[in-house]
Amino acid sequence: MNIPEDQYKEIESMIKSDESVVGIDAKKTHIIIIHMLGRILERLDSLEERIDQLED
């Protein structure tokens, strides 16, 4: 997966944790992932709704 360097750095700065042994805040990382998945589902629902309207 190729992620542009600026986006990589932005994500890295959001989840970085100096207190963690692995270097990231796992809770924050999971919250971000779950939030983004929720946004994807909302957009998918919206697209499906629009498709259904076009088919009617």
Protein backbone atom coordinates (compact mmCIF):
# COMPACT_ATOMS: atom_id res chain seq x y z
CA MET A 1 0.00 0.00 0.00
CA ASN A 2 1.43 3.34 -1.01
CA ILE A 3 0.50 6.14 1.36
CA PRO A 4 1.67 9.67 0.50
CA GLU A 5 4.38 10.78 2.95
CA ASP A 6 2.35 13.75 4.26
CA GLN A 7 -0.65 11.54 5.03
CA TYR A 8 1.61 8.92 6.61
CA LYS A 9 3.17 11.52 8.90
CA GLU A 10 -0.26 12.93 9.83
CA ILE A 11 -1.56 9.48 10.81
CA GLU A 12 1.66 8.68 12.63
CA SER A 13 1.41 11.86 14.70
CA MET A 14 -2.21 11.09 15.63
CA ILE A 15 -1.49 7.59 17.00
CA LYS A 16 2.07 8.01 18.35
CA SER A 17 2.64 7.35 22.03
CA ASP A 18 5.96 7.61 23.83
CA GLU A 19 4.47 5.76 26.81
CA SER A 20 3.62 2.66 24.77
CA VAL A 21 6.09 -0.18 24.30
CA VAL A 22 5.07 -0.47 20.63
CA GLY A 23 5.10 3.28 20.06
CA ILE A 24 1.39 3.80 19.35
CA ASP A 25 -1.70 4.42 21.45
CA ALA A 26 -3.73 1.28 20.69
CA LYS A 27 -6.98 2.67 22.12
CA LYS A 28 -6.73 5.87 20.08
CA THR A 29 -5.81 3.86 16.99
CA HIS A 30 -8.86 1.63 17.36
CA ILE A 31 -11.15 4.62 17.98
CA ILE A 32 -9.88 6.24 14.76
CA ILE A 33 -10.38 3.00 12.80
CA ILE A 34 -13.90 2.46 14.15
CA HIS A 35 -14.81 6.10 13.49
CA MET A 36 -13.57 5.88 9.89
CA LEU A 37 -15.44 2.61 9.35
CA GLY A 38 -18.61 4.31 10.61
CA ARG A 39 -18.09 7.14 8.11
CA ILE A 40 -17.58 4.62 5.31
CA LEU A 41 -20.80 2.84 6.26
CA GLU A 42 -22.71 6.13 6.27
CA ARG A 43 -21.40 6.98 2.81
CA LEU A 44 -22.19 3.50 1.52
CA ASP A 45 -25.74 3.71 2.89
CA SER A 46 -26.15 7.09 1.19
CA LEU A 47 -24.91 5.72 -2.14
CA GLU A 48 -27.19 2.68 -1.90
CA GLU A 49 -30.13 4.96 -1.14
CA ARG A 50 -29.36 7.10 -4.21
CA ILE A 51 -29.06 4.00 -6.40
CA ASP A 52 -32.38 2.70 -5.14
CA GLN A 53 -34.01 6.06 -5.96
CA LEU A 54 -32.61 5.95 -9.49
CA GLU A 55 -33.99 2.43 -10.00
CA ASP A 56 -37.52 3.48 -8.96
